[in-house]
C-alpha atoms as a PDB file:
ATOM      1  CA  MET A   1      82.520 120.176-107.202  1.00  0.00           C
ATOM      2  CA  SER A   2      82.335 123.340-109.311  1.00  0.00           C
ATOM      3  CA  GLN A   3      80.404 125.393-106.742  1.00  0.00           C
ATOM      4  CA  LEU A   4      82.282 124.372-103.599  1.00  0.00           C
ATOM      5  CA  ALA A   5      85.263 122.004-103.789  1.00  0.00           C
ATOM      6  CA  TYR A   6      87.124 123.861-106.531  1.00  0.00           C
ATOM      7  CA  ARG A   7      86.381 127.265-104.988  1.00  0.00           C
ATOM      8  CA  ILE A   8      88.114 126.796-101.632  1.00  0.00           C
ATOM      9  CA  PRO A   9      91.793 125.757-101.995  1.00  0.00           C
ATOM     10  CA  LEU A  10      92.939 128.491-104.391  1.00  0.00           C
ATOM     11  CA  PRO A  11      92.154 131.504-102.157  1.00  0.00           C
ATOM     12  CA  VAL A  12      93.936 129.734 -99.286  1.00  0.00           C
ATOM     13  CA  ILE A  13      97.100 129.279-101.373  1.00  0.00           C
ATOM     14  CA  LEU A  14      96.903 132.858-102.646  1.00  0.00           C
ATOM     15  CA  ARG A  15      96.661 134.244 -99.124  1.00  0.00           C
ATOM     16  CA  MET A  16      99.650 132.149 -98.062  1.00  0.00           C
ATOM     17  CA  MET A  17     101.582 133.712-100.948  1.00  0.00           C
ATOM     18  CA  ASP A  18     100.054 137.154-100.297  1.00  0.00           C
ATOM     19  CA  LEU A  19      98.857 137.401-103.907  1.00  0.00           C
ATOM     20  CA  PRO A  20      95.867 139.488-105.089  1.00  0.00           C
ATOM     21  CA  THR A  21      92.495 137.738-104.965  1.00  0.00           C
ATOM     22  CA  ASP A  22      90.273 139.992-107.089  1.00  0.00           C
ATOM     23  CA  PRO A  23      87.679 137.987-109.100  1.00  0.00           C
ATOM     24  CA  GLU A  24      89.312 138.386-112.512  1.00  0.00           C
ATOM     25  CA  LEU A  25      92.718 137.235-111.318  1.00  0.00           C
ATOM     26  CA  LEU A  26      91.103 134.471-109.248  1.00  0.00           C
ATOM     27  CA  GLU A  27      89.486 132.977-112.342  1.00  0.00           C
ATOM     28  CA  ARG A  28      92.745 133.219-114.269  1.00  0.00           C
ATOM     29  CA  TYR A  29      94.721 131.565-111.462  1.00  0.00           C
ATOM     30  CA  ASN A  30      92.108 128.817-111.244  1.00  0.00           C
ATOM     31  CA  ARG A  31      92.078 128.083-114.964  1.00  0.00           C
ATOM     32  CA  VAL A  32      95.851 128.029-115.312  1.00  0.00           C
ATOM     33  CA  ALA A  33      96.487 125.963-112.179  1.00  0.00           C
ATOM     34  CA  HIS A  34      94.038 123.210-113.093  1.00  0.00           C
ATOM     35  CA  SER A  35      95.127 123.244-116.745  1.00  0.00           C
ATOM     36  CA  PHE A  36      98.727 122.928-115.543  1.00  0.00           C
ATOM     37  CA  GLY A  37      97.893 119.725-113.660  1.00  0.00           C
ATOM     38  CA  ALA A  38      95.951 118.269-116.600  1.00  0.00           C
ATOM     39  CA  MET A  39      98.803 119.051-118.982  1.00  0.00           C
ATOM     40  CA  ARG A  40     101.367 117.424-116.697  1.00  0.00           C
ATOM     41  CA  TRP A  41      99.333 114.230-116.813  1.00  0.00           C
ATOM     42  CA  GLU A  42      98.953 114.449-120.605  1.00  0.00           C
ATOM     43  CA  LEU A  43     102.709 114.787-121.058  1.00  0.00           C
ATOM     44  CA  THR A  44     103.756 112.110-118.566  1.00  0.00           C
ATOM     45  CA  THR A  45     101.379 109.511-120.036  1.00  0.00           C
ATOM     46  CA  ASN A  46     102.320 110.174-123.655  1.00  0.00           C
ATOM     47  CA  PRO A  47     105.875 109.034-124.502  1.00  0.00           C
ATOM     48  CA  ASP A  48     105.862 110.983-127.772  1.00  0.00           C
ATOM     49  CA  PRO A  49     103.547 113.999-127.532  1.00  0.00           C
ATOM     50  CA  THR A  50     102.647 115.714-130.778  1.00  0.00           C
ATOM     51  CA  GLY A  51     103.902 119.145-131.719  1.00  0.00           C
ATOM     52  CA  GLU A  52     100.458 120.574-130.959  1.00  0.00           C
ATOM     53  CA  VAL A  53     100.557 119.179-127.400  1.00  0.00           C
ATOM     54  CA  ARG A  54     104.072 120.490-126.862  1.00  0.00           C
ATOM     55  CA  GLU A  55     103.032 123.927-128.080  1.00  0.00           C
ATOM     56  CA  ARG A  56     100.060 124.021-125.709  1.00  0.00           C
ATOM     57  CA  ALA A  57     102.358 122.946-122.880  1.00  0.00           C
ATOM     58  CA  ARG A  58     104.839 125.719-123.655  1.00  0.00           C
ATOM     59  CA  ALA A  59     102.081 128.334-123.857  1.00  0.00           C
ATOM     60  CA  LEU A  60     100.558 127.185-120.583  1.00  0.00           C
ATOM     61  CA  SER A  61     103.936 127.138-118.850  1.00  0.00           C
ATOM     62  CA  GLN A  62     104.653 130.642-120.085  1.00  0.00           C
ATOM     63  CA  GLU A  63     101.282 131.898-118.825  1.00  0.00           C
ATOM     64  CA  MET A  64     102.012 130.432-115.395  1.00  0.00           C
ATOM     65  CA  ARG A  65     105.383 132.188-115.434  1.00  0.00           C
ATOM     66  CA  ASP A  66     103.809 135.485-116.530  1.00  0.00           C
ATOM     67  CA  ILE A  67     101.426 135.323-113.562  1.00  0.00           C
ATOM     68  CA  LEU A  68     103.925 134.443-110.836  1.00  0.00           C
ATOM     69  CA  MET A  69     107.306 135.892-111.884  1.00  0.00           C
ATOM     70  CA  PRO A  70     106.483 139.571-111.149  1.00  0.00           C
ATOM     71  CA  PHE A  71     105.733 138.650-107.532  1.00  0.00           C
ATOM     72  CA  LEU A  72     108.790 136.428-107.334  1.00  0.00           C
ATOM     73  CA  GLU A  73     111.021 139.250-108.574  1.00  0.00           C
ATOM     74  CA  ALA A  74     109.478 141.814-106.236  1.00  0.00           C
ATOM     75  CA  ARG A  75     110.182 139.665-103.155  1.00  0.00           C
ATOM     76  CA  ARG A  76     113.691 138.564-104.007  1.00  0.00           C
ATOM     77  CA  ASP A  77     115.063 140.161-100.810  1.00  0.00           C
ATOM     78  CA  GLY A  78     113.159 137.565 -98.749  1.00  0.00           C
ATOM     79  CA  THR A  79     112.213 139.981 -95.998  1.00  0.00           C
ATOM     80  CA  GLY A  80     108.447 139.380 -96.011  1.00  0.00           C
ATOM     81  CA  ASP A  81     106.434 136.812 -94.094  1.00  0.00           C
ATOM     82  CA  ASP A  82     104.577 135.432 -97.131  1.00  0.00           C
ATOM     83  CA  LEU A  83     105.352 132.067 -98.702  1.00  0.00           C
ATOM     84  CA  ILE A  84     107.236 133.540-101.679  1.00  0.00           C
ATOM     85  CA  SER A  85     109.544 135.555 -99.419  1.00  0.00           C
ATOM     86  CA  ARG A  86     110.108 132.510 -97.235  1.00  0.00           C
ATOM     87  CA  LEU A  87     111.120 130.458-100.274  1.00  0.00           C
ATOM     88  CA  TRP A  88     113.754 133.065-101.198  1.00  0.00           C
ATOM     89  CA  ARG A  89     114.950 133.128 -97.599  1.00  0.00           C
ATOM     90  CA  ASP A  90     115.002 129.415 -96.811  1.00  0.00           C
ATOM     91  CA  LEU A  91     115.643 127.492-100.044  1.00  0.00           C
ATOM     92  CA  PRO A  92     119.397 128.239-100.264  1.00  0.00           C
ATOM     93  CA  GLY A  93     119.894 126.350 -97.012  1.00  0.00           C
ATOM     94  CA  LEU A  94     117.728 123.433 -98.101  1.00  0.00           C
ATOM     95  CA  ILE A  95     118.794 122.619-101.671  1.00  0.00           C
ATOM     96  CA  GLU A  96     121.862 123.304-103.788  1.00  0.00           C
ATOM     97  CA  GLY A  97     121.218 126.203-106.152  1.00  0.00           C
ATOM     98  CA  GLY A  98     118.127 127.197-104.199  1.00  0.00           C
ATOM     99  CA  ASP A  99     118.780 130.901-104.647  1.00  0.00           C
ATOM    100  CA  ASP A 100     118.152 131.159-108.410  1.00  0.00           C
ATOM    101  CA  ASP A 101     114.933 132.009-110.220  1.00  0.00           C
ATOM    102  CA  ASP A 102     114.260 128.516-111.556  1.00  0.00           C
ATOM    103  CA  ALA A 103     114.576 126.836-108.147  1.00  0.00           C
ATOM    104  CA  VAL A 104     112.202 129.272-106.475  1.00  0.00           C
ATOM    105  CA  PHE A 105     109.786 129.290-109.417  1.00  0.00           C
ATOM    106  CA  SER A 106     109.619 125.487-109.652  1.00  0.00           C
ATOM    107  CA  ASN A 107     108.867 125.181-105.935  1.00  0.00           C
ATOM    108  CA  LEU A 108     106.299 127.946-106.226  1.00  0.00           C
ATOM    109  CA  THR A 109     104.465 126.297-109.142  1.00  0.00           C
ATOM    110  CA  THR A 110     104.469 122.959-107.321  1.00  0.00           C
ATOM    111  CA  LEU A 111     102.790 124.519-104.292  1.00  0.00           C
ATOM    112  CA  PHE A 112     100.484 126.585-106.486  1.00  0.00           C
ATOM    113  CA  GLU A 113      99.157 123.671-108.537  1.00  0.00           C
ATOM    114  CA  ALA A 114      99.515 120.610-106.303  1.00  0.00           C
ATOM    115  CA  GLY A 115      97.750 122.116-103.294  1.00  0.00           C
ATOM    116  CA  ILE A 116      94.841 123.215-105.453  1.00  0.00           C
ATOM    117  CA  GLY A 117      94.206 120.009-107.397  1.00  0.00           C
ATOM    118  CA  THR A 118      94.654 117.413-104.662  1.00  0.00           C
ATOM    119  CA  THR A 119      92.841 119.437-102.009  1.00  0.00           C
ATOM    120  CA  ALA A 120      89.872 120.103-104.273  1.00  0.00           C
ATOM    121  CA  GLY A 121      89.659 116.382-104.987  1.00  0.00           C
ATOM    122  CA  ALA A 122      89.889 115.570-101.276  1.00  0.00           C
ATOM    123  CA  ILE A 123      87.102 118.044-100.466  1.00  0.00           C
ATOM    124  CA  GLY A 124      84.908 116.251-102.996  1.00  0.00           C
ATOM    125  CA  ASP A 125      85.745 112.902-101.399  1.00  0.00           C
ATOM    126  CA  VAL A 126      84.916 114.158 -97.895  1.00  0.00           C
ATOM    127  CA  LEU A 127      81.610 115.596 -99.108  1.00  0.00           C
ATOM    128  CA  TYR A 128      80.775 112.355-100.919  1.00  0.00           C
ATOM    129  CA  HIS A 129      81.216 110.292 -97.752  1.00  0.00           C
ATOM    130  CA  LEU A 130      79.259 112.866 -95.774  1.00  0.00           C
ATOM    131  CA  MET A 131      76.376 112.492 -98.255  1.00  0.00           C
ATOM    132  CA  ARG A 132      76.690 108.733 -98.626  1.00  0.00           C
ATOM    133  CA  GLU A 133      76.449 108.264 -94.852  1.00  0.00           C
ATOM    134  CA  PRO A 134      74.316 111.219 -93.705  1.00  0.00           C
ATOM    135  CA  ARG A 135      73.949 109.839 -90.168  1.00  0.00           C
ATOM    136  CA  TYR A 136      77.388 111.236 -89.461  1.00  0.00           C
ATOM    137  CA  GLN A 137      76.199 114.784 -90.124  1.00  0.00           C
ATOM    138  CA  GLU A 138      74.201 114.851 -86.881  1.00  0.00           C
ATOM    139  CA  ILE A 139      77.038 113.202 -84.965  1.00  0.00           C
ATOM    140  CA  LEU A 140      79.527 115.816 -86.159  1.00  0.00           C
ATOM    141  CA  ARG A 141      77.100 118.677 -85.634  1.00  0.00           C
ATOM    142  CA  GLU A 142      76.608 117.617 -82.019  1.00  0.00           C
ATOM    143  CA  ASP A 143      80.284 116.887 -81.350  1.00  0.00           C
ATOM    144  CA  GLU A 144      82.753 118.826 -83.508  1.00  0.00           C
ATOM    145  CA  SER A 145      85.686 117.122 -81.790  1.00  0.00           C
ATOM    146  CA  ARG A 146      84.942 114.088 -83.983  1.00  0.00           C
ATOM    147  CA  ILE A 147      85.357 115.998 -87.260  1.00  0.00           C
ATOM    148  CA  PRO A 148      89.129 115.324 -87.553  1.00  0.00           C
ATOM    149  CA  ALA A 149      88.519 111.562 -87.253  1.00  0.00           C
ATOM    150  CA  PHE A 150      85.816 111.696 -89.940  1.00  0.00           C
ATOM    151  CA  VAL A 151      88.163 113.591 -92.273  1.00  0.00           C
ATOM    152  CA  GLU A 152      90.941 111.038 -91.746  1.00  0.00           C
ATOM    153  CA  GLU A 153      88.573 108.162 -92.486  1.00  0.00           C
ATOM    154  CA  ALA A 154      87.277 109.844 -95.654  1.00  0.00           C
ATOM    155  CA  VAL A 155      90.845 110.470 -96.846  1.00  0.00           C
ATOM    156  CA  ARG A 156      91.771 106.864 -96.041  1.00  0.00           C
ATOM    157  CA  LEU A 157      88.835 105.500 -98.020  1.00  0.00           C
ATOM    158  CA  ALA A 158      89.336 107.697-101.090  1.00  0.00           C
ATOM    159  CA  ALA A 159      92.872 109.191-101.040  1.00  0.00           C
ATOM    160  CA  PRO A 160      93.596 112.398-103.037  1.00  0.00           C
ATOM    161  CA  GLY A 161      96.125 110.362-105.057  1.00  0.00           C
ATOM    162  CA  HIS A 162      95.115 106.760-105.759  1.00  0.00           C
ATOM    163  CA  TYR A 163      98.703 105.570-106.193  1.00  0.00           C
ATOM    164  CA  ILE A 164     102.252 106.854-105.855  1.00  0.00           C
ATOM    165  CA  ALA A 165     105.076 106.236-108.331  1.00  0.00           C
ATOM    166  CA  ARG A 166     108.565 105.448-107.083  1.00  0.00           C
ATOM    167  CA  GLN A 167     111.806 104.658-108.914  1.00  0.00           C
ATOM    168  CA  VAL A 168     113.937 101.749-107.700  1.00  0.00           C
ATOM    169  CA  ALA A 169     117.240 103.100-106.333  1.00  0.00           C
ATOM    170  CA  ALA A 170     119.203  99.827-106.442  1.00  0.00           C
ATOM    171  CA  ASP A 171     118.832  96.270-107.756  1.00  0.00           C
ATOM    172  CA  THR A 172     116.742  94.288-105.277  1.00  0.00           C
ATOM    173  CA  GLU A 173     114.112  91.601-104.873  1.00  0.00           C
ATOM    174  CA  LEU A 174     110.604  92.276-103.592  1.00  0.00           C
ATOM    175  CA  PHE A 175     108.266  89.375-102.803  1.00  0.00           C
ATOM    176  CA  GLY A 176     110.033  87.208-105.357  1.00  0.00           C
ATOM    177  CA  ALA A 177     110.093  89.823-108.107  1.00  0.00           C
ATOM    178  CA  ARG A 178     113.489  91.024-109.302  1.00  0.00           C
ATOM    179  CA  LEU A 179     113.696  94.770-109.579  1.00  0.00           C
ATOM    180  CA  ARG A 180     116.490  96.680-111.280  1.00  0.00           C
ATOM    181  CA  ARG A 181     117.765 100.138-110.555  1.00  0.00           C
ATOM    182  CA  GLY A 182     115.626 102.623-112.492  1.00  0.00           C
ATOM    183  CA  ASP A 183     112.502 100.448-112.654  1.00  0.00           C
ATOM    184  CA  MET A 184     109.253 102.231-111.833  1.00  0.00           C
ATOM    185  CA  LEU A 185     106.870 100.995-109.150  1.00  0.00           C
ATOM    186  CA  HIS A 186     103.304 102.127-108.581  1.00  0.00           C
ATOM    187  CA  ALA A 187     102.215 101.623-104.987  1.00  0.00           C
ATOM    188  CA  MET A 188      98.419 101.425-104.720  1.00  0.00           C
ATOM    189  CA  ILE A 189      97.405 103.714-101.863  1.00  0.00           C
ATOM    190  CA  LEU A 190      93.748 102.716-102.072  1.00  0.00           C
ATOM    191  CA  THR A 191      94.661  99.059-101.577  1.00  0.00           C
ATOM    192  CA  ALA A 192      96.961  99.785 -98.642  1.00  0.00           C
ATOM    193  CA  ASN A 193      94.348 101.995 -96.988  1.00  0.00           C
ATOM    194  CA  ARG A 194      91.796  99.159 -97.061  1.00  0.00           C
ATOM    195  CA  ASP A 195      94.085  96.355 -95.959  1.00  0.00           C
ATOM    196  CA  PRO A 196      92.016  94.142 -93.606  1.00  0.00           C
ATOM    197  CA  LYS A 197      95.204  93.038 -91.844  1.00  0.00           C
ATOM    198  CA  ARG A 198      95.664  96.606 -90.646  1.00  0.00           C
ATOM    199  CA  PHE A 199      92.136  98.050 -90.524  1.00  0.00           C
ATOM    200  CA  ASP A 200      89.111  96.385 -88.960  1.00  0.00           C
ATOM    201  CA  CYS A 201      86.066  96.783 -91.244  1.00  0.00           C
ATOM    202  CA  PRO A 202      88.326  98.560 -93.759  1.00  0.00           C
ATOM    203  CA  HIS A 203      85.520  99.722 -96.065  1.00  0.00           C
ATOM    204  CA  GLU A 204      83.601 101.532 -93.320  1.00  0.00           C
ATOM    205  CA  VAL A 205      83.968 104.908 -91.597  1.00  0.00           C
ATOM    206  CA  ASP A 206      84.976 104.325 -87.967  1.00  0.00           C
ATOM    207  CA  LEU A 207      85.278 107.456 -85.832  1.00  0.00           C
ATOM    208  CA  ASP A 208      86.812 105.413 -83.009  1.00  0.00           C
ATOM    209  CA  ARG A 209      89.510 103.771 -85.114  1.00  0.00           C
ATOM    210  CA  ARG A 210      92.849 103.497 -83.344  1.00  0.00           C
ATOM    211  CA  ALA A 211      95.748 105.399 -84.915  1.00  0.00           C
ATOM    212  CA  VAL A 212      93.269 107.141 -87.195  1.00  0.00           C
ATOM    213  CA  ARG A 213      96.111 108.893 -89.059  1.00  0.00           C
ATOM    214  CA  GLY A 214      97.879 105.619 -89.786  1.00  0.00           C
ATOM    215  CA  HIS A 215      96.970 105.598 -93.486  1.00  0.00           C
ATOM    216  CA  PHE A 216      98.722 106.530 -96.737  1.00  0.00           C
ATOM    217  CA  GLY A 217      96.284 109.227 -97.883  1.00  0.00           C
ATOM    218  CA  PHE A 218      99.047 111.834 -97.654  1.00  0.00           C
ATOM    219  CA  SER A 219     101.798 109.373 -98.634  1.00  0.00           C
ATOM    220  CA  HIS A 220     104.439 108.361 -96.072  1.00  0.00           C
ATOM    221  CA  GLY A 221     108.054 108.827 -95.046  1.00  0.00           C
ATOM    222  CA  PRO A 222     110.391 111.368 -96.702  1.00  0.00           C
ATOM    223  CA  ARG A 223     107.814 111.952 -99.476  1.00  0.00           C
ATOM    224  CA  HIS A 224     105.012 112.672 -97.005  1.00  0.00           C
ATOM    225  CA  CYS A 225     102.819 115.463 -98.401  1.00  0.00           C
ATOM    226  CA  ALA A 226     104.396 118.790 -97.449  1.00  0.00           C
ATOM    227  CA  GLY A 227     100.986 120.453 -97.349  1.00  0.00           C
ATOM    228  CA  HIS A 228      99.168 117.837 -95.269  1.00  0.00           C
ATOM    229  CA  ALA A 229      98.551 120.227 -92.356  1.00  0.00           C
ATOM    230  CA  VAL A 230      96.994 122.845 -94.644  1.00  0.00           C
ATOM    231  CA  GLY A 231      94.943 120.215 -96.432  1.00  0.00           C
ATOM    232  CA  ARG A 232      93.665 118.673 -93.219  1.00  0.00           C
ATOM    233  CA  THR A 233      92.686 122.092 -91.887  1.00  0.00           C
ATOM    234  CA  GLU A 234      90.760 122.948 -95.051  1.00  0.00           C
ATOM    235  CA  LEU A 235      88.927 119.611 -94.998  1.00  0.00           C
ATOM    236  CA  GLN A 236      87.963 119.984 -91.352  1.00  0.00           C
ATOM    237  CA  GLU A 237      86.695 123.533 -91.878  1.00  0.00           C
ATOM    238  CA  VAL A 238      84.622 122.454 -94.880  1.00  0.00           C
ATOM    239  CA  VAL A 239      82.983 119.663 -92.871  1.00  0.00           C
ATOM    240  CA  ARG A 240      82.368 121.983 -89.929  1.00  0.00           C
ATOM    241  CA  ALA A 241      80.677 124.577 -92.152  1.00  0.00           C
ATOM    242  CA  VAL A 242      78.640 122.045 -94.126  1.00  0.00           C
ATOM    243  CA  VAL A 243      77.134 120.167 -91.174  1.00  0.00           C
ATOM    244  CA  HIS A 244      75.968 123.451 -89.642  1.00  0.00           C
ATOM    245  CA  ARG A 245      74.930 125.398 -92.741  1.00  0.00           C
ATOM    246  CA  LEU A 246      73.667 122.694 -95.124  1.00  0.00           C
ATOM    247  CA  PRO A 247      71.532 120.365 -93.003  1.00  0.00           C
ATOM    248  CA  GLY A 248      70.048 117.326 -94.699  1.00  0.00           C
ATOM    249  CA  LEU A 249      72.896 117.170 -97.218  1.00  0.00           C
ATOM    250  CA  THR A 250      72.455 114.177 -99.496  1.00  0.00           C
ATOM    251  CA  LEU A 251      73.142 113.020-103.031  1.00  0.00           C
ATOM    252  CA  ASP A 252      70.538 114.507-105.354  1.00  0.00           C
ATOM    253  CA  PRO A 253      68.433 111.639-106.765  1.00  0.00           C
ATOM    254  CA  ASP A 254      67.126 113.859-109.570  1.00  0.00           C
ATOM    255  CA  GLN A 255      70.595 114.535-110.975  1.00  0.00           C
ATOM    256  CA  PRO A 256      73.171 112.227-112.594  1.00  0.00           C
ATOM    257  CA  ALA A 257      74.964 109.860-110.233  1.00  0.00           C
ATOM    258  CA  PRO A 258      78.434 110.861-109.033  1.00  0.00           C
ATOM    259  CA  VAL A 259      81.063 110.491-111.748  1.00  0.00           C
ATOM    260  CA  ARG A 260      84.825 110.639-111.433  1.00  0.00           C
ATOM    261  CA  GLY A 261      86.911 112.321-114.125  1.00  0.00           C
ATOM    262  CA  GLY A 262      90.505 112.211-115.248  1.00  0.00           C
ATOM    263  CA  ALA A 263      92.856 109.263-115.046  1.00  0.00           C
ATOM    264  CA  GLY A 264      95.976 108.138-113.284  1.00  0.00           C
ATOM    265  CA  ALA A 265      96.763 108.890-109.658  1.00  0.00           C
ATOM    266  CA  ARG A 266      94.231 111.715-109.304  1.00  0.00           C
ATOM    267  CA  ARG A 267      90.604 111.039-110.192  1.00  0.00           C
ATOM    268  CA  PRO A 268      88.475 113.750-108.561  1.00  0.00           C
ATOM    269  CA  TRP A 269      84.725 113.829-108.853  1.00  0.00           C
ATOM    270  CA  LYS A 270      83.623 115.310-112.173  1.00  0.00           C
ATOM    271  CA  GLU A 271      79.975 115.438-111.091  1.00  0.00           C
ATOM    272  CA  LEU A 272      78.814 115.408-107.471  1.00  0.00           C
ATOM    273  CA  HIS A 273      75.288 116.762-107.206  1.00  0.00           C
ATOM    274  CA  ALA A 274      73.864 117.595-103.790  1.00  0.00           C
ATOM    275  CA  ARG A 275      70.517 118.383-102.192  1.00  0.00           C
ATOM    276  CA  PHE A 276      70.171 120.137 -98.835  1.00  0.00           C
ATOM    277  CA  GLU A 277      68.011 122.421 -96.727  1.00  0.00           C
ATOM    278  CA  PRO A 278      69.838 125.766 -96.441  1.00  0.00           C
ATOM    279  CA  VAL A 279      69.861 127.580 -93.131  1.00  0.00           C
ATOM    280  CA  ALA A 280      67.756 130.741 -93.334  1.00  0.00           C
END
């Protein structure tokens, strides 16, 4: 995870935003972005955070603002082709008040942090399934056209977010349960993605599965992940590179077994040790 999965998404996001990628800034971006996601979880799961937690949250938020605001200010005219310029140019027509600093900054931080955390977790999941079922490495090496199907199956089986939270918009009844406006629901993506009524052999990778994208790994409907195309591309490129450059990839039996970290919707691999034969 530390040497591969967490190293890939950030440079992609930075290039989309046309931000500098020198090593020192890259490490700072990485630390702040992942800390931002961890802090969001700490705050949302604690109904009464302590003063110390609130102070850390404020300091972290300010550091994120210090990093991104100079670029946001410099591209206020919206004439460039980078993601920041496009936000300035397009947001006013998409949301009310989309032409002020806070609207652009909040969208920018969402893209900056969400694309990094979930994609890194998804890369770990794809690599795990590639190591758990190494027979697919030869299949994908011989026929790269099957890589997208493998990625979709790995995302279906693991899902970057294990559940999604939704607020009830109006009083209703669902399968006999009375729900009131404002109630919170947590829809279990992992359960839906392994529903035997929808998926034959739901716990297995099937490269010939019909409607292979018919899962909830990137959510669904109006809340469908805005970055799904970028995420899918990154996952496919990682698999393509790994099957060609790291033959014999497998879980390392001499290292600790894979361990997930964190809690809540996102539980990426904390430890995912690999063994392989590098190409000379």
